[in-house]
Structures are given as C-alpha cells and as structure tokens.
Amino acid sequence: MPDPADRPEAPDDPALAEADLAEGEAEAGTLSALQIEVAHKLISVIRSGRWQVGERISDAGLAREFAISRSPIRQVLQYLVARGFLAQRDRGFTLARRAEDFDLAEELFPPSGGEQLYRRVLQARASGEIGPEATEAELLDLLEAPRSALRRTLMRLSAEGLAERREGHGWRFAECLDNVQAVNESYAFRTVIECGAVQEDTFRADPQEMAALEAEQRALLAAALAEIKGSDWFEANARFHETVVSWSRNRFLVRAIQLQNNLRRMTEYSEFTQLTEAGLRRAAQDHLSILQAIRQGDRRLAAALLVRHLSRVRPETDAPA
C-alpha cells in the first residue's frame, strides 16, 4: 500500500546498488524466504495489470508499498530480469512481458511458507478453529508449524491489529467479521472514513498512484473471471480503498482503513474465490467512476459514488468492495 506520509525516496548508495546487482543475478536456490515472499507479492501486483509492457517499475515505490528495504526488492527484480520477465535500462526496471505471462513467473519460486502459514491462521480464525483466545501450545498443535515460524506470524498479526499477546501467556485475536451485524457495522464505519478522507482539505491525489489504480481496475474489468484469483481480487480492491484514503494525508484515517482491510482479510480470502461475473464488473466499474470524479476535481461526487458503492456491496450482494 502507498505510504500515507508520502515520504521522499532515500538517495541511492552506489556501493549498495552494485552489491544488489551482483546478488540479484544469483540463482533461485540462493533467494531467502523474504525474497521469495516479495516475489509472490510483486507477481500478484503485476498480474493485476498495474503496469503495461515497457512501463517503469519503481523499486523505491515497491519498498514503501511492501514496507521493507530496497535490497530484497532489487534482488527479486534482477532475478526476473535474468529470466526475461523484466528489462533493465539505466539502473531502472521495466515490464518486458504481458501480465498474463506472469503465471509462468510465479512457478519459478517455491511457495512462501510464511505467507501460507499467515493465511492458514486467518482461515482458522474465520472458521472458528481458533477461538478468541489461544495459547501458543494450542496453536502449535493445531497448525503443526515450527515454533519460530508461528511466532513470526503472530508478530505480523499483532502489527496488523489482528492479535495481541495476553498477560501471562497466550494470544487474544481480534473479532472476526463473521456475521451480518459485524459486517454491516464495518461498512458503515468505512463509509464515514472513506468519504471523510476524500473531503479532507489536505486531500491530493498522486498522479502515478491514480494511473496505477486505473490500470489495475481496467485490467480486472477486462479479464476473464477464470483468470482472477480470489486473493488477487481482494488485494486489488483493498489497495484501491487504502490508496484513496491515503491521499487525505491523514495518518489516522489511513490506520483506520488499514485495520478494516486486515479484518476483512481474515474472513474474505475464501469468500473472494466465489466471484460472479456481474459482481466483479460492477465493483471494478464503481472504482473507475470514483477515480474519474477525483481526477476531474469533483470530490463531492466522488464521496457520493463511494457511498453508493459501499451501500450496494454489503453482504446480501454478490460483490465485495
């Protein structure tokens, strides 16, 4: 997700850049778990249609979006350059193959163990396998995961506001959006946050982020339903809403929408695998209409379109927001 603080890019260190270049040419077997996780995230974004062939991919922008340093980003970009999926010119990276070709690129990387365990915990919490509270021993028995991997996952959930360590021992998990009342309350809260963000005096849309969102939503609009993974669809939609709120330049509004997206992520990954053609098209078209109103400077219209969009994608309908 874009950085709500809109921090300036850090200057390149020539020595670090040369080291990254050398490391990036390494074989797949030398990639770390973090780099493999970065690769899967990057490929998911590329498959969503954010960039067209020949367009520049910013390593600094990805580092901010993924909340990590540039080094693992560069190493993954270099790896994809060596295999013809990206191109490199003047130390910059561009897309060399079509988004749909990146299904093949994903096969170059082994599954991300950390991401798989993270999703397993979310699914177990959403299904009730994991209750509101659990000890680490109970979680180890249920998930059959290494203790170190489980602890990393729990710390990630804690950072996302989805879990907190109990006094003494054990963990307390956030409430799931697993009933109609909770989901409706979440949508009502999001309506207040998102519409308020658009009407903030400090609201300024970033042109590059705007173009990226438009490309991503157009790609979803044009794609065949069978080509879209549920998790990719969820992340594209979560990215849309968080990016729009981030243009308010209000860190508290951004944190609020991030927590809502994390709560939705806990229950909706599985639901997003049951997309309908009509629901997907309507949601993507809604997003494009909101972006068009923002581009035209009509923030009042954008807020009204957001209200309509969020009101018609509540649980009784067939499309997520």
C-alpha atoms as a PDB file:
ATOM      1  CA  MET A   1       0.000   0.000   0.000  1.00  0.00           C
ATOM      2  CA  PRO A   2       1.197   3.511  -0.613  1.00  0.00           C
ATOM      3  CA  ASP A   3       2.868   5.309   2.270  1.00  0.00           C
ATOM      4  CA  PRO A   4       0.367   7.801   3.739  1.00  0.00           C
ATOM      5  CA  ALA A   5       3.186  10.019   4.940  1.00  0.00           C
ATOM      6  CA  ASP A   6       4.368  10.336   1.322  1.00  0.00           C
ATOM      7  CA  ARG A   7       7.979  10.121   2.418  1.00  0.00           C
ATOM      8  CA  PRO A   8      10.649  11.182  -0.087  1.00  0.00           C
ATOM      9  CA  GLU A   9      12.758   8.452  -1.610  1.00  0.00           C
ATOM     10  CA  ALA A  10      16.068   7.789   0.104  1.00  0.00           C
ATOM     11  CA  PRO A  11      19.138   8.527  -2.062  1.00  0.00           C
ATOM     12  CA  ASP A  12      20.769   5.555  -3.725  1.00  0.00           C
ATOM     13  CA  ASP A  13      24.008   4.237  -2.264  1.00  0.00           C
ATOM     14  CA  PRO A  14      26.223   3.297  -5.281  1.00  0.00           C
ATOM     15  CA  ALA A  15      28.021   0.591  -3.344  1.00  0.00           C
ATOM     16  CA  LEU A  16      24.744  -0.920  -2.166  1.00  0.00           C
ATOM     17  CA  ALA A  17      23.324  -0.751  -5.675  1.00  0.00           C
ATOM     18  CA  GLU A  18      26.318  -2.648  -7.092  1.00  0.00           C
ATOM     19  CA  ALA A  19      26.028  -5.260  -4.347  1.00  0.00           C
ATOM     20  CA  ASP A  20      22.312  -5.657  -5.039  1.00  0.00           C
ATOM     21  CA  LEU A  21      23.034  -6.075  -8.749  1.00  0.00           C
ATOM     22  CA  ALA A  22      25.508  -8.865  -8.091  1.00  0.00           C
ATOM     23  CA  GLU A  23      23.239 -10.603  -5.593  1.00  0.00           C
ATOM     24  CA  GLY A  24      20.241 -10.204  -7.887  1.00  0.00           C
ATOM     25  CA  GLU A  25      21.943 -12.307 -10.534  1.00  0.00           C
ATOM     26  CA  ALA A  26      22.072 -15.265  -8.161  1.00  0.00           C
ATOM     27  CA  GLU A  27      20.210 -18.469  -8.806  1.00  0.00           C
ATOM     28  CA  ALA A  28      16.766 -19.204  -7.291  1.00  0.00           C
ATOM     29  CA  GLY A  29      18.226 -21.513  -4.697  1.00  0.00           C
ATOM     30  CA  THR A  30      20.007 -18.585  -3.047  1.00  0.00           C
ATOM     31  CA  LEU A  31      16.857 -16.498  -2.590  1.00  0.00           C
ATOM     32  CA  SER A  32      15.881 -16.024   1.030  1.00  0.00           C
ATOM     33  CA  ALA A  33      12.421 -16.638   2.463  1.00  0.00           C
ATOM     34  CA  LEU A  34      11.868 -12.871   2.476  1.00  0.00           C
ATOM     35  CA  GLN A  35      12.856 -12.544  -1.188  1.00  0.00           C
ATOM     36  CA  ILE A  36      10.534 -15.404  -2.158  1.00  0.00           C
ATOM     37  CA  GLU A  37       7.696 -13.701  -0.282  1.00  0.00           C
ATOM     38  CA  VAL A  38       8.496 -10.415  -2.045  1.00  0.00           C
ATOM     39  CA  ALA A  39       8.490 -12.221  -5.407  1.00  0.00           C
ATOM     40  CA  HIS A  40       4.987 -13.599  -4.848  1.00  0.00           C
ATOM     41  CA  LYS A  41       3.686 -10.173  -3.782  1.00  0.00           C
ATOM     42  CA  LEU A  42       5.294  -8.478  -6.790  1.00  0.00           C
ATOM     43  CA  ILE A  43       3.952 -11.037  -9.258  1.00  0.00           C
ATOM     44  CA  SER A  44       0.472 -10.622  -7.788  1.00  0.00           C
ATOM     45  CA  VAL A  45       0.654  -6.860  -8.367  1.00  0.00           C
ATOM     46  CA  ILE A  46       1.963  -7.321 -11.925  1.00  0.00           C
ATOM     47  CA  ARG A  47      -0.783  -9.829 -12.744  1.00  0.00           C
ATOM     48  CA  SER A  48      -3.369  -7.299 -11.586  1.00  0.00           C
ATOM     49  CA  GLY A  49      -2.422  -5.115 -14.571  1.00  0.00           C
ATOM     50  CA  ARG A  50      -0.769  -2.201 -12.789  1.00  0.00           C
ATOM     51  CA  TRP A  51       1.926  -1.861 -15.474  1.00  0.00           C
ATOM     52  CA  GLN A  52       1.870  -2.312 -19.233  1.00  0.00           C
ATOM     53  CA  VAL A  53       4.824  -3.699 -21.216  1.00  0.00           C
ATOM     54  CA  GLY A  54       7.571  -1.078 -21.290  1.00  0.00           C
ATOM     55  CA  GLU A  55       6.364   0.860 -18.246  1.00  0.00           C
ATOM     56  CA  ARG A  56       8.797   1.622 -15.421  1.00  0.00           C
ATOM     57  CA  ILE A  57       8.645  -0.271 -12.144  1.00  0.00           C
ATOM     58  CA  SER A  58       9.998   1.742  -9.202  1.00  0.00           C
ATOM     59  CA  ASP A  59      11.987  -0.280  -6.687  1.00  0.00           C
ATOM     60  CA  ALA A  60      11.715   2.589  -4.182  1.00  0.00           C
ATOM     61  CA  GLY A  61       7.924   2.688  -4.597  1.00  0.00           C
ATOM     62  CA  LEU A  62       7.666  -1.065  -4.075  1.00  0.00           C
ATOM     63  CA  ALA A  63       9.880  -0.834  -0.985  1.00  0.00           C
ATOM     64  CA  ARG A  64       7.465   1.710   0.517  1.00  0.00           C
ATOM     65  CA  GLU A  65       4.413  -0.304  -0.507  1.00  0.00           C
ATOM     66  CA  PHE A  66       5.753  -3.581   0.922  1.00  0.00           C
ATOM     67  CA  ALA A  67       7.249  -1.790   3.956  1.00  0.00           C
ATOM     68  CA  ILE A  68      10.717  -3.303   3.508  1.00  0.00           C
ATOM     69  CA  SER A  69      14.133  -2.089   2.346  1.00  0.00           C
ATOM     70  CA  ARG A  70      15.093  -1.807  -1.319  1.00  0.00           C
ATOM     71  CA  SER A  71      17.646  -4.603  -1.211  1.00  0.00           C
ATOM     72  CA  PRO A  72      15.282  -7.634  -1.383  1.00  0.00           C
ATOM     73  CA  ILE A  73      13.135  -5.781  -3.929  1.00  0.00           C
ATOM     74  CA  ARG A  74      16.127  -5.236  -6.218  1.00  0.00           C
ATOM     75  CA  GLN A  75      17.264  -8.817  -5.885  1.00  0.00           C
ATOM     76  CA  VAL A  76      13.864 -10.113  -6.991  1.00  0.00           C
ATOM     77  CA  LEU A  77      13.701  -7.583  -9.858  1.00  0.00           C
ATOM     78  CA  GLN A  78      17.167  -8.683 -11.018  1.00  0.00           C
ATOM     79  CA  TYR A  79      16.106 -12.314 -10.860  1.00  0.00           C
ATOM     80  CA  LEU A  80      13.128 -11.575 -13.113  1.00  0.00           C
ATOM     81  CA  VAL A  81      15.343  -9.559 -15.480  1.00  0.00           C
ATOM     82  CA  ALA A  82      17.672 -12.558 -15.857  1.00  0.00           C
ATOM     83  CA  ARG A  83      14.699 -14.684 -16.898  1.00  0.00           C
ATOM     84  CA  GLY A  84      13.271 -12.216 -19.384  1.00  0.00           C
ATOM     85  CA  PHE A  85      10.177 -11.103 -17.485  1.00  0.00           C
ATOM     86  CA  LEU A  86      11.566  -7.630 -16.788  1.00  0.00           C
ATOM     87  CA  ALA A  87      14.113  -5.420 -18.540  1.00  0.00           C
ATOM     88  CA  GLN A  88      16.713  -3.113 -17.046  1.00  0.00           C
ATOM     89  CA  ARG A  89      17.874   0.170 -18.537  1.00  0.00           C
ATOM     90  CA  ASP A  90      19.948   2.867 -16.825  1.00  0.00           C
ATOM     91  CA  ARG A  91      19.504   1.105 -13.470  1.00  0.00           C
ATOM     92  CA  GLY A  92      15.721   1.236 -13.869  1.00  0.00           C
ATOM     93  CA  PHE A  93      13.330  -1.667 -14.384  1.00  0.00           C
ATOM     94  CA  THR A  94      10.525  -2.023 -16.912  1.00  0.00           C
ATOM     95  CA  LEU A  95       7.945  -4.702 -17.647  1.00  0.00           C
ATOM     96  CA  ALA A  96       9.105  -6.924 -20.531  1.00  0.00           C
ATOM     97  CA  ARG A  97       6.202  -9.396 -20.776  1.00  0.00           C
ATOM     98  CA  ARG A  98       2.435  -9.201 -20.532  1.00  0.00           C
ATOM     99  CA  ALA A  99       0.730  -9.507 -17.163  1.00  0.00           C
ATOM    100  CA  GLU A 100      -0.832 -12.861 -18.067  1.00  0.00           C
ATOM    101  CA  ASP A 101       2.638 -14.325 -18.703  1.00  0.00           C
ATOM    102  CA  PHE A 102       3.468 -13.930 -15.019  1.00  0.00           C
ATOM    103  CA  ASP A 103       1.571 -17.090 -14.173  1.00  0.00           C
ATOM    104  CA  LEU A 104       4.724 -18.753 -15.519  1.00  0.00           C
ATOM    105  CA  ALA A 105       6.951 -16.452 -13.478  1.00  0.00           C
ATOM    106  CA  GLU A 106       5.243 -17.487 -10.248  1.00  0.00           C
ATOM    107  CA  GLU A 107       6.222 -21.097 -10.946  1.00  0.00           C
ATOM    108  CA  LEU A 108       9.896 -20.031 -10.720  1.00  0.00           C
ATOM    109  CA  PHE A 109       9.536 -19.509  -6.971  1.00  0.00           C
ATOM    110  CA  PRO A 110       8.692 -22.067  -4.296  1.00  0.00           C
ATOM    111  CA  PRO A 111       5.625 -21.367  -2.155  1.00  0.00           C
ATOM    112  CA  SER A 112       6.153 -18.784   0.571  1.00  0.00           C
ATOM    113  CA  GLY A 113       5.968 -20.701   3.840  1.00  0.00           C
ATOM    114  CA  GLY A 114       5.392 -17.560   5.885  1.00  0.00           C
ATOM    115  CA  GLU A 115       2.508 -16.403   3.699  1.00  0.00           C
ATOM    116  CA  GLN A 116       0.920 -19.863   3.696  1.00  0.00           C
ATOM    117  CA  LEU A 117       1.008 -20.034   7.495  1.00  0.00           C
ATOM    118  CA  TYR A 118      -0.368 -16.483   7.753  1.00  0.00           C
ATOM    119  CA  ARG A 119      -3.333 -17.375   5.540  1.00  0.00           C
ATOM    120  CA  ARG A 120      -3.843 -20.645   7.398  1.00  0.00           C
ATOM    121  CA  VAL A 121      -4.155 -18.737  10.684  1.00  0.00           C
ATOM    122  CA  LEU A 122      -6.609 -16.268   9.128  1.00  0.00           C
ATOM    123  CA  GLN A 123      -8.748 -19.100   7.759  1.00  0.00           C
ATOM    124  CA  ALA A 124      -8.656 -20.995  11.065  1.00  0.00           C
ATOM    125  CA  ARG A 125      -9.706 -17.881  12.963  1.00  0.00           C
ATOM    126  CA  ALA A 126     -12.510 -17.135  10.485  1.00  0.00           C
ATOM    127  CA  SER A 127     -13.824 -20.719  10.592  1.00  0.00           C
ATOM    128  CA  GLY A 128     -13.730 -20.906  14.388  1.00  0.00           C
ATOM    129  CA  GLU A 129     -10.885 -23.445  14.600  1.00  0.00           C
ATOM    130  CA  ILE A 130      -9.023 -20.734  16.501  1.00  0.00           C
ATOM    131  CA  GLY A 131     -11.164 -19.063  19.146  1.00  0.00           C
ATOM    132  CA  PRO A 132     -10.929 -15.534  20.528  1.00  0.00           C
ATOM    133  CA  GLU A 133      -8.046 -16.652  22.755  1.00  0.00           C
ATOM    134  CA  ALA A 134      -5.454 -19.411  22.386  1.00  0.00           C
ATOM    135  CA  THR A 135      -2.145 -20.421  23.906  1.00  0.00           C
ATOM    136  CA  GLU A 136       0.947 -20.848  21.804  1.00  0.00           C
ATOM    137  CA  ALA A 137       0.953 -24.580  22.584  1.00  0.00           C
ATOM    138  CA  GLU A 138      -2.639 -24.905  21.313  1.00  0.00           C
ATOM    139  CA  LEU A 139      -1.724 -23.071  18.128  1.00  0.00           C
ATOM    140  CA  LEU A 140       1.328 -25.264  17.577  1.00  0.00           C
ATOM    141  CA  ASP A 141      -0.788 -28.418  17.944  1.00  0.00           C
ATOM    142  CA  LEU A 142      -3.451 -27.120  15.563  1.00  0.00           C
ATOM    143  CA  LEU A 143      -1.208 -25.660  12.861  1.00  0.00           C
ATOM    144  CA  GLU A 144       1.682 -28.140  13.084  1.00  0.00           C
ATOM    145  CA  ALA A 145       4.133 -25.334  12.306  1.00  0.00           C
ATOM    146  CA  PRO A 146       7.635 -24.657  13.625  1.00  0.00           C
ATOM    147  CA  ARG A 147       7.582 -22.519  16.758  1.00  0.00           C
ATOM    148  CA  SER A 148       9.786 -19.828  15.167  1.00  0.00           C
ATOM    149  CA  ALA A 149       7.500 -19.553  12.105  1.00  0.00           C
ATOM    150  CA  LEU A 150       4.404 -19.355  14.283  1.00  0.00           C
ATOM    151  CA  ARG A 151       5.923 -16.591  16.397  1.00  0.00           C
ATOM    152  CA  ARG A 152       6.797 -14.560  13.289  1.00  0.00           C
ATOM    153  CA  THR A 153       3.220 -14.959  12.063  1.00  0.00           C
ATOM    154  CA  LEU A 154       1.790 -13.917  15.432  1.00  0.00           C
ATOM    155  CA  MET A 155       4.009 -10.837  15.480  1.00  0.00           C
ATOM    156  CA  ARG A 156       2.780  -9.949  11.989  1.00  0.00           C
ATOM    157  CA  LEU A 157      -0.825 -10.331  13.134  1.00  0.00           C
ATOM    158  CA  SER A 158      -0.038  -8.161  16.150  1.00  0.00           C
ATOM    159  CA  ALA A 159       1.421  -5.429  13.927  1.00  0.00           C
ATOM    160  CA  GLU A 160      -1.751  -5.550  11.811  1.00  0.00           C
ATOM    161  CA  GLY A 161      -4.018  -5.212  14.837  1.00  0.00           C
ATOM    162  CA  LEU A 162      -5.406  -8.742  14.475  1.00  0.00           C
ATOM    163  CA  ALA A 163      -3.870 -10.277  17.602  1.00  0.00           C
ATOM    164  CA  GLU A 164      -2.327  -9.196  20.874  1.00  0.00           C
ATOM    165  CA  ARG A 165      -0.302 -11.025  23.491  1.00  0.00           C
ATOM    166  CA  ARG A 166      -2.224 -11.791  26.660  1.00  0.00           C
ATOM    167  CA  GLU A 167      -0.818 -11.084  30.088  1.00  0.00           C
ATOM    168  CA  GLY A 168       0.924 -14.210  31.256  1.00  0.00           C
ATOM    169  CA  HIS A 169       0.853 -16.377  28.144  1.00  0.00           C
ATOM    170  CA  GLY A 170      -1.235 -16.893  25.063  1.00  0.00           C
ATOM    171  CA  TRP A 171      -2.819 -14.634  22.458  1.00  0.00           C
ATOM    172  CA  ARG A 172      -6.092 -12.783  22.058  1.00  0.00           C
ATOM    173  CA  PHE A 173      -7.426 -12.424  18.492  1.00  0.00           C
ATOM    174  CA  ALA A 174      -9.481  -9.613  17.003  1.00  0.00           C
ATOM    175  CA  GLU A 175     -13.195 -10.088  16.417  1.00  0.00           C
ATOM    176  CA  CYS A 176     -13.991 -11.597  13.027  1.00  0.00           C
ATOM    177  CA  LEU A 177     -16.375 -10.044  10.542  1.00  0.00           C
ATOM    178  CA  ASP A 178     -18.227 -13.352  10.560  1.00  0.00           C
ATOM    179  CA  ASN A 179     -21.818 -12.201  10.997  1.00  0.00           C
ATOM    180  CA  VAL A 180     -24.104  -9.772   9.188  1.00  0.00           C
ATOM    181  CA  GLN A 181     -24.211  -7.241  12.027  1.00  0.00           C
ATOM    182  CA  ALA A 182     -20.420  -7.019  12.298  1.00  0.00           C
ATOM    183  CA  VAL A 183     -20.017  -6.718   8.528  1.00  0.00           C
ATOM    184  CA  ASN A 184     -22.681  -4.003   8.277  1.00  0.00           C
ATOM    185  CA  GLU A 185     -21.040  -2.080  11.111  1.00  0.00           C
ATOM    186  CA  SER A 186     -17.722  -2.352   9.279  1.00  0.00           C
ATOM    187  CA  TYR A 187     -19.250  -0.992   6.058  1.00  0.00           C
ATOM    188  CA  ALA A 188     -20.870   1.880   7.971  1.00  0.00           C
ATOM    189  CA  PHE A 189     -17.526   2.723   9.576  1.00  0.00           C
ATOM    190  CA  ARG A 190     -15.742   2.550   6.209  1.00  0.00           C
ATOM    191  CA  THR A 191     -18.308   4.893   4.687  1.00  0.00           C
ATOM    192  CA  VAL A 192     -17.537   7.505   7.346  1.00  0.00           C
ATOM    193  CA  ILE A 193     -13.767   7.071   6.998  1.00  0.00           C
ATOM    194  CA  GLU A 194     -13.513   6.911   3.197  1.00  0.00           C
ATOM    195  CA  CYS A 195     -15.973   9.690   2.402  1.00  0.00           C
ATOM    196  CA  GLY A 196     -14.439  11.861   5.101  1.00  0.00           C
ATOM    197  CA  ALA A 197     -10.957  11.251   3.675  1.00  0.00           C
ATOM    198  CA  VAL A 198     -11.998  12.326   0.174  1.00  0.00           C
ATOM    199  CA  GLN A 199     -13.393  15.604   1.531  1.00  0.00           C
ATOM    200  CA  GLU A 200     -10.384  16.490   3.698  1.00  0.00           C
ATOM    201  CA  ASP A 201      -8.778  19.857   2.853  1.00  0.00           C
ATOM    202  CA  THR A 202      -5.434  18.064   2.628  1.00  0.00           C
ATOM    203  CA  PHE A 203      -6.688  15.570   0.010  1.00  0.00           C
ATOM    204  CA  ARG A 204      -4.357  15.428  -3.002  1.00  0.00           C
ATOM    205  CA  ALA A 205      -4.386  12.518  -5.448  1.00  0.00           C
ATOM    206  CA  ASP A 206      -0.978  11.245  -6.537  1.00  0.00           C
ATOM    207  CA  PRO A 207      -0.923  11.091 -10.382  1.00  0.00           C
ATOM    208  CA  GLN A 208       1.238   7.963 -10.579  1.00  0.00           C
ATOM    209  CA  GLU A 209      -0.822   6.120  -8.000  1.00  0.00           C
ATOM    210  CA  MET A 210      -4.003   7.240  -9.758  1.00  0.00           C
ATOM    211  CA  ALA A 211      -2.759   5.855 -13.090  1.00  0.00           C
ATOM    212  CA  ALA A 212      -1.709   2.578 -11.415  1.00  0.00           C
ATOM    213  CA  LEU A 213      -5.136   2.123  -9.805  1.00  0.00           C
ATOM    214  CA  GLU A 214      -6.919   2.871 -13.070  1.00  0.00           C
ATOM    215  CA  ALA A 215      -4.760   0.361 -14.945  1.00  0.00           C
ATOM    216  CA  GLU A 216      -5.349  -2.272 -12.279  1.00  0.00           C
ATOM    217  CA  GLN A 217      -9.125  -1.822 -12.282  1.00  0.00           C
ATOM    218  CA  ARG A 218      -9.334  -1.762 -16.100  1.00  0.00           C
ATOM    219  CA  ALA A 219      -7.365  -4.998 -16.215  1.00  0.00           C
ATOM    220  CA  LEU A 220      -9.817  -6.590 -13.773  1.00  0.00           C
ATOM    221  CA  LEU A 221     -12.714  -5.288 -15.840  1.00  0.00           C
ATOM    222  CA  ALA A 222     -11.296  -6.862 -18.995  1.00  0.00           C
ATOM    223  CA  ALA A 223     -10.080 -10.152 -17.508  1.00  0.00           C
ATOM    224  CA  ALA A 224     -11.986 -13.407 -17.762  1.00  0.00           C
ATOM    225  CA  LEU A 225     -13.325 -14.491 -14.392  1.00  0.00           C
ATOM    226  CA  ALA A 226     -11.380 -17.775 -14.540  1.00  0.00           C
ATOM    227  CA  GLU A 227      -8.088 -15.824 -14.794  1.00  0.00           C
ATOM    228  CA  ILE A 228      -8.558 -13.983 -11.481  1.00  0.00           C
ATOM    229  CA  LYS A 229      -7.530 -15.468  -8.153  1.00  0.00           C
ATOM    230  CA  GLY A 230      -9.691 -14.608  -5.181  1.00  0.00           C
ATOM    231  CA  SER A 231      -6.739 -13.343  -3.150  1.00  0.00           C
ATOM    232  CA  ASP A 232      -5.547 -11.137  -6.045  1.00  0.00           C
ATOM    233  CA  TRP A 233      -9.032  -9.651  -6.363  1.00  0.00           C
ATOM    234  CA  PHE A 234      -9.191  -8.936  -2.652  1.00  0.00           C
ATOM    235  CA  GLU A 235      -5.769  -7.293  -2.581  1.00  0.00           C
ATOM    236  CA  ALA A 236      -6.547  -5.121  -5.631  1.00  0.00           C
ATOM    237  CA  ASN A 237      -9.725  -3.877  -4.001  1.00  0.00           C
ATOM    238  CA  ALA A 238      -8.134  -3.340  -0.608  1.00  0.00           C
ATOM    239  CA  ARG A 239      -5.327  -1.441  -2.352  1.00  0.00           C
ATOM    240  CA  PHE A 240      -7.873   0.797  -4.115  1.00  0.00           C
ATOM    241  CA  HIS A 241      -9.626   1.840  -0.911  1.00  0.00           C
ATOM    242  CA  GLU A 242      -6.445   2.327   1.101  1.00  0.00           C
ATOM    243  CA  THR A 243      -4.792   4.362  -1.642  1.00  0.00           C
ATOM    244  CA  VAL A 244      -7.762   6.711  -1.960  1.00  0.00           C
ATOM    245  CA  VAL A 245      -7.797   7.248   1.814  1.00  0.00           C
ATOM    246  CA  SER A 246      -4.012   7.793   1.823  1.00  0.00           C
ATOM    247  CA  TRP A 247      -4.476  10.822  -0.469  1.00  0.00           C
ATOM    248  CA  SER A 248      -6.079  12.590   2.507  1.00  0.00           C
ATOM    249  CA  ARG A 249      -2.559  12.759   4.023  1.00  0.00           C
ATOM    250  CA  ASN A 250      -4.201  11.927   7.369  1.00  0.00           C
ATOM    251  CA  ARG A 251      -2.313   9.137   9.130  1.00  0.00           C
ATOM    252  CA  PHE A 252      -5.194   8.329  11.495  1.00  0.00           C
ATOM    253  CA  LEU A 253      -7.669   7.808   8.660  1.00  0.00           C
ATOM    254  CA  VAL A 254      -5.118   5.598   6.902  1.00  0.00           C
ATOM    255  CA  ARG A 255      -4.586   3.460  10.002  1.00  0.00           C
ATOM    256  CA  ALA A 256      -8.340   3.072  10.369  1.00  0.00           C
ATOM    257  CA  ILE A 257      -8.816   1.776   6.809  1.00  0.00           C
ATOM    258  CA  GLN A 258      -5.756  -0.485   7.128  1.00  0.00           C
ATOM    259  CA  LEU A 259      -7.298  -2.138  10.194  1.00  0.00           C
ATOM    260  CA  GLN A 260     -10.606  -2.593   8.356  1.00  0.00           C
ATOM    261  CA  ASN A 261      -8.792  -4.194   5.417  1.00  0.00           C
ATOM    262  CA  ASN A 262      -6.975  -6.520   7.794  1.00  0.00           C
ATOM    263  CA  LEU A 263     -10.236  -7.534   9.469  1.00  0.00           C
ATOM    264  CA  ARG A 264     -11.772  -8.166   6.050  1.00  0.00           C
ATOM    265  CA  ARG A 265      -8.710 -10.155   5.002  1.00  0.00           C
ATOM    266  CA  MET A 266      -9.320 -12.553   7.890  1.00  0.00           C
ATOM    267  CA  THR A 267     -12.699 -13.680   6.549  1.00  0.00           C
ATOM    268  CA  GLU A 268     -12.867 -12.679   2.902  1.00  0.00           C
ATOM    269  CA  TYR A 269      -9.949 -14.508   1.267  1.00  0.00           C
ATOM    270  CA  SER A 270     -12.096 -17.611   0.997  1.00  0.00           C
ATOM    271  CA  GLU A 271     -15.233 -15.691   0.015  1.00  0.00           C
ATOM    272  CA  PHE A 272     -13.436 -13.937  -2.835  1.00  0.00           C
ATOM    273  CA  THR A 273     -12.885 -17.263  -4.543  1.00  0.00           C
ATOM    274  CA  GLN A 274     -16.641 -17.339  -5.227  1.00  0.00           C
ATOM    275  CA  LEU A 275     -16.795 -14.312  -7.517  1.00  0.00           C
ATOM    276  CA  THR A 276     -19.535 -13.698 -10.029  1.00  0.00           C
ATOM    277  CA  GLU A 277     -19.001 -12.008 -13.371  1.00  0.00           C
ATOM    278  CA  ALA A 278     -21.599  -9.327 -12.637  1.00  0.00           C
ATOM    279  CA  GLY A 279     -20.226  -8.593  -9.168  1.00  0.00           C
ATOM    280  CA  LEU A 280     -16.662  -8.230 -10.390  1.00  0.00           C
ATOM    281  CA  ARG A 281     -17.603  -5.943 -13.285  1.00  0.00           C
ATOM    282  CA  ARG A 282     -19.798  -3.733 -11.105  1.00  0.00           C
ATOM    283  CA  ALA A 283     -17.169  -3.288  -8.396  1.00  0.00           C
ATOM    284  CA  ALA A 284     -14.372  -2.500 -10.883  1.00  0.00           C
ATOM    285  CA  GLN A 285     -16.586  -0.044 -12.764  1.00  0.00           C
ATOM    286  CA  ASP A 286     -17.566   1.640  -9.489  1.00  0.00           C
ATOM    287  CA  HIS A 287     -13.900   2.089  -8.638  1.00  0.00           C
ATOM    288  CA  LEU A 288     -13.153   3.606 -12.049  1.00  0.00           C
ATOM    289  CA  SER A 289     -16.074   6.033 -11.703  1.00  0.00           C
ATOM    290  CA  ILE A 290     -14.791   7.157  -8.291  1.00  0.00           C
ATOM    291  CA  LEU A 291     -11.304   7.700  -9.708  1.00  0.00           C
ATOM    292  CA  GLN A 292     -12.718   9.662 -12.651  1.00  0.00           C
ATOM    293  CA  ALA A 293     -14.577  12.010 -10.293  1.00  0.00           C
ATOM    294  CA  ILE A 294     -11.391  12.538  -8.278  1.00  0.00           C
ATOM    295  CA  ARG A 295      -9.393  13.170 -11.462  1.00  0.00           C
ATOM    296  CA  GLN A 296     -11.948  15.794 -12.508  1.00  0.00           C
ATOM    297  CA  GLY A 297     -11.648  17.503  -9.125  1.00  0.00           C
ATOM    298  CA  ASP A 298     -15.248  16.730  -8.109  1.00  0.00           C
ATOM    299  CA  ARG A 299     -14.661  15.317  -4.649  1.00  0.00           C
ATOM    300  CA  ARG A 300     -18.275  15.752  -3.620  1.00  0.00           C
ATOM    301  CA  LEU A 301     -19.298  13.443  -6.468  1.00  0.00           C
ATOM    302  CA  ALA A 302     -16.503  11.027  -5.559  1.00  0.00           C
ATOM    303  CA  ALA A 303     -17.816  10.864  -1.983  1.00  0.00           C
ATOM    304  CA  ALA A 304     -21.371  10.256  -3.228  1.00  0.00           C
ATOM    305  CA  LEU A 305     -20.131   7.464  -5.512  1.00  0.00           C
ATOM    306  CA  LEU A 306     -18.277   5.908  -2.582  1.00  0.00           C
ATOM    307  CA  VAL A 307     -21.470   5.935  -0.504  1.00  0.00           C
ATOM    308  CA  ARG A 308     -23.382   4.231  -3.320  1.00  0.00           C
ATOM    309  CA  HIS A 309     -20.585   1.720  -3.901  1.00  0.00           C
ATOM    310  CA  LEU A 310     -20.251   0.715  -0.246  1.00  0.00           C
ATOM    311  CA  SER A 311     -24.022   0.560   0.254  1.00  0.00           C
ATOM    312  CA  ARG A 312     -24.564  -1.897  -2.592  1.00  0.00           C
ATOM    313  CA  VAL A 313     -21.736  -4.316  -1.842  1.00  0.00           C
ATOM    314  CA  ARG A 314     -22.841  -5.310   1.658  1.00  0.00           C
ATOM    315  CA  PRO A 315     -23.180  -8.995   2.494  1.00  0.00           C
ATOM    316  CA  GLU A 316     -26.511  -9.560   0.810  1.00  0.00           C
ATOM    317  CA  THR A 317     -24.960  -8.741  -2.595  1.00  0.00           C
ATOM    318  CA  ASP A 318     -22.534 -10.788  -4.658  1.00  0.00           C
ATOM    319  CA  ALA A 319     -19.545  -8.454  -4.904  1.00  0.00           C
ATOM    320  CA  PRO A 320     -17.010  -7.316  -2.331  1.00  0.00           C
ATOM    321  CA  ALA A 321     -15.924  -3.684  -2.112  1.00  0.00           C
END
